[in-house]
Amino acid sequence: MKLITTLALFVAMALTGTLSHAQNTASKTNGAPQNGTINGGVKSSLPETTMDQLEAKEDKTSIFEDPLQGVITNRTITVLGNDFYQYFSAYWNTLNQDSRYSLAVYERPTARWGSEVWIEFRQERVFRTFLSPARQAAKDVAEAAADLVQKNVIRAEFMRMTFINQDLGPEEL
């Protein structure tokens, strides 16, 4: 009797697992909407969910893509430097929606001249200026810096892609 009960329990668990797997597979392929379509490609009136959009994006990404593309690191020290960073990054992101360039904003505060601020791309300075201690000037300087950095980054990338020399390493170009 104990053997029959154990066997019945094992069969019931196996059937339950098989049934739930079959239901999940059927709902994914037939019954449930996938990316806004229902049964054979008829478009649903419901908008695509955020999870569907993320899954579609994950399917398109490659393993060779850099997940940290477009990062702007903040290496500033003072409030003035942080203001410059905030204005610069906001304006940079409006100029470059899908930026693949990673930048670093550095600051060296001085008592005499205000703060020296520079921006690096691939360990190369693409912008450098001194900010006066007046904080209201940081916004105008940051917007001008974003335009200049964009031009200098494009120039540096163009030079890197077109100039090939066997004697020089990539960082020496």
Protein backbone atom coordinates (compact mmCIF):
# COMPACT_ATOMS: atom_id res chain seq x y z
CA MET A 1 0.00 0.00 0.00
CA LYS A 2 2.84 2.36 0.86
CA LEU A 3 4.48 1.66 -2.52
CA ILE A 4 1.27 2.48 -4.40
CA THR A 5 0.86 5.77 -2.48
CA THR A 6 4.45 6.76 -3.21
CA LEU A 7 4.04 5.85 -6.86
CA ALA A 8 0.78 7.80 -7.13
CA LEU A 9 2.40 10.84 -5.49
CA PHE A 10 5.38 10.65 -7.88
CA VAL A 11 3.07 10.40 -10.93
CA ALA A 12 0.94 13.30 -9.66
CA MET A 13 4.01 15.51 -9.18
CA ALA A 14 5.38 14.58 -12.58
CA LEU A 15 2.05 15.32 -14.26
CA THR A 16 1.68 18.60 -12.39
CA GLY A 17 5.16 19.69 -13.46
CA THR A 18 4.51 18.63 -17.04
CA LEU A 19 1.11 20.32 -17.05
CA SER A 20 2.44 23.59 -15.66
CA HIS A 21 5.34 23.53 -18.15
CA ALA A 22 2.89 22.90 -20.99
CA GLN A 23 0.64 25.71 -19.79
CA ASN A 24 3.56 28.14 -19.57
CA THR A 25 4.76 27.17 -23.03
CA ALA A 26 1.27 27.47 -24.48
CA SER A 27 0.65 30.85 -22.87
CA LYS A 28 3.96 32.16 -24.18
CA THR A 29 3.39 30.99 -27.73
CA ASN A 30 -0.37 31.09 -28.22
CA GLY A 31 -2.51 32.60 -25.51
CA ALA A 32 -0.61 35.53 -24.01
CA PRO A 33 0.13 38.69 -25.96
CA GLN A 34 3.76 38.97 -27.01
CA ASN A 35 4.98 42.49 -27.82
CA GLY A 36 1.47 43.78 -28.43
CA THR A 37 0.24 40.96 -30.71
CA ILE A 38 -2.48 38.40 -30.08
CA ASN A 39 -2.91 35.04 -31.86
CA GLY A 40 -1.26 35.30 -35.21
CA GLY A 41 -0.07 38.88 -35.29
CA VAL A 42 -3.22 40.95 -34.66
CA LYS A 43 -2.09 44.15 -32.95
CA SER A 44 -3.42 44.68 -29.43
CA SER A 45 -4.82 48.04 -28.43
CA LEU A 46 -2.90 47.90 -25.15
CA PRO A 47 0.48 49.66 -25.07
CA GLU A 48 3.63 47.58 -24.76
CA THR A 49 4.75 47.25 -21.17
CA THR A 50 8.11 48.41 -19.92
CA MET A 51 9.16 44.83 -19.27
CA ASP A 52 8.38 43.91 -22.90
CA GLN A 53 10.47 46.87 -24.07
CA LEU A 54 13.39 45.86 -21.82
CA GLU A 55 13.24 42.25 -23.02
CA ALA A 56 13.24 43.40 -26.64
CA LYS A 57 16.22 45.65 -25.94
CA GLU A 58 18.10 42.84 -24.16
CA ASP A 59 17.57 40.59 -27.17
CA LYS A 60 19.20 43.18 -29.45
CA THR A 61 22.27 43.89 -27.32
CA SER A 62 25.53 42.20 -28.07
CA ILE A 63 27.92 40.73 -25.54
CA PHE A 64 30.66 42.90 -27.02
CA GLU A 65 28.93 46.21 -26.29
CA ASP A 66 30.37 48.26 -23.46
CA PRO A 67 27.73 48.64 -20.74
CA LEU A 68 29.38 51.81 -19.47
CA GLN A 69 29.25 53.80 -22.69
CA GLY A 70 28.33 57.43 -22.34
CA VAL A 71 29.33 57.77 -18.70
CA ILE A 72 30.47 61.15 -17.43
CA THR A 73 32.43 60.78 -14.22
CA ASN A 74 32.47 63.55 -11.65
CA ARG A 75 35.93 64.16 -10.21
CA THR A 76 35.18 67.67 -8.94
CA ILE A 77 35.78 68.81 -5.38
CA THR A 78 34.00 72.08 -4.67
CA VAL A 79 30.40 73.25 -5.00
CA LEU A 80 31.45 75.37 -7.99
CA GLY A 81 32.94 72.31 -9.69
CA ASN A 82 29.85 70.26 -8.95
CA ASP A 83 27.65 73.01 -10.44
CA PHE A 84 29.81 72.98 -13.56
CA TYR A 85 29.54 69.19 -13.75
CA GLN A 86 25.75 69.24 -13.37
CA TYR A 87 25.28 71.90 -16.07
CA PHE A 88 27.80 70.26 -18.39
CA SER A 89 26.31 66.77 -18.09
CA ALA A 90 22.76 68.07 -18.61
CA TYR A 91 23.76 70.00 -21.72
CA TRP A 92 25.96 67.15 -23.01
CA ASN A 93 23.06 64.70 -22.69
CA THR A 94 20.78 67.02 -24.69
CA LEU A 95 23.41 67.26 -27.44
CA ASN A 96 24.21 63.53 -27.47
CA GLN A 97 21.12 61.46 -26.75
CA ASP A 98 22.82 58.12 -27.47
CA SER A 99 26.35 59.08 -26.58
CA ARG A 100 28.95 56.34 -26.68
CA TYR A 101 31.73 58.59 -25.44
CA SER A 102 32.82 58.36 -21.81
CA LEU A 103 34.19 61.55 -20.31
CA ALA A 104 35.73 62.59 -17.00
CA VAL A 105 35.35 66.06 -15.47
CA TYR A 106 38.23 67.03 -13.16
CA GLU A 107 38.73 70.05 -10.92
CA ARG A 108 41.69 71.58 -9.14
CA PRO A 109 40.58 74.38 -6.81
CA THR A 110 42.92 77.31 -6.28
CA ALA A 111 42.56 80.22 -3.89
CA ARG A 112 43.93 82.72 -6.36
CA TRP A 113 42.15 81.95 -9.67
CA GLY A 114 39.04 80.04 -8.64
CA SER A 115 38.96 76.49 -9.95
CA GLU A 116 40.77 74.89 -12.83
CA VAL A 117 38.38 72.52 -14.59
CA TRP A 118 39.27 70.14 -17.39
CA ILE A 119 37.51 67.36 -19.27
CA GLU A 120 39.27 64.23 -20.49
CA PHE A 121 38.36 61.79 -23.22
CA ARG A 122 40.53 58.66 -23.58
CA GLN A 123 43.07 60.10 -21.11
CA GLU A 124 43.46 63.19 -23.28
CA ARG A 125 42.35 66.68 -22.31
CA VAL A 126 39.71 67.98 -24.67
CA PHE A 127 38.76 71.08 -22.66
CA ARG A 128 40.40 73.19 -19.96
CA THR A 129 39.40 76.45 -18.30
CA PHE A 130 39.47 78.42 -15.08
CA LEU A 131 36.17 79.15 -13.36
CA SER A 132 35.87 82.35 -11.40
CA PRO A 133 34.50 82.00 -7.89
CA ALA A 134 31.18 83.49 -9.06
CA ARG A 135 28.86 80.48 -9.34
CA GLN A 136 26.45 82.05 -11.86
CA ALA A 137 29.11 81.91 -14.61
CA ALA A 138 29.33 78.11 -14.41
CA LYS A 139 26.20 77.54 -16.51
CA ASP A 140 27.39 79.57 -19.52
CA VAL A 141 30.87 78.08 -19.36
CA ALA A 142 29.45 74.55 -19.12
CA GLU A 143 27.27 75.03 -22.22
CA ALA A 144 30.20 76.39 -24.21
CA ALA A 145 32.36 73.53 -22.89
CA ALA A 146 29.85 70.92 -24.09
CA ASP A 147 29.96 72.33 -27.62
CA LEU A 148 33.77 72.43 -27.66
CA VAL A 149 34.11 68.97 -26.12
CA GLN A 150 31.77 67.52 -28.73
CA LYS A 151 33.87 69.00 -31.54
CA ASN A 152 37.14 67.86 -29.96
CA VAL A 153 35.86 64.33 -29.27
CA ILE A 154 34.68 63.94 -32.85
CA ARG A 155 38.04 65.22 -34.09
CA ALA A 156 39.95 62.85 -31.80
CA GLU A 157 37.84 59.87 -32.90
CA PHE A 158 38.31 60.80 -36.55
CA MET A 159 42.08 61.00 -36.08
CA ARG A 160 42.14 57.70 -34.21
CA MET A 161 40.16 55.90 -36.93
CA THR A 162 42.00 57.31 -39.94
CA PHE A 163 45.60 57.37 -38.75
CA ILE A 164 47.21 53.93 -38.72
CA ASN A 165 50.86 53.49 -37.85
CA GLN A 166 52.48 50.23 -36.82
CA ASP A 167 55.06 52.02 -34.67
CA LEU A 168 52.57 53.90 -32.49
CA GLY A 169 50.20 52.45 -29.92
CA PRO A 170 46.57 53.61 -29.72
CA GLU A 171 47.25 55.88 -26.75
CA GLU A 172 50.16 57.60 -28.58
CA LEU A 173 48.04 58.91 -31.45
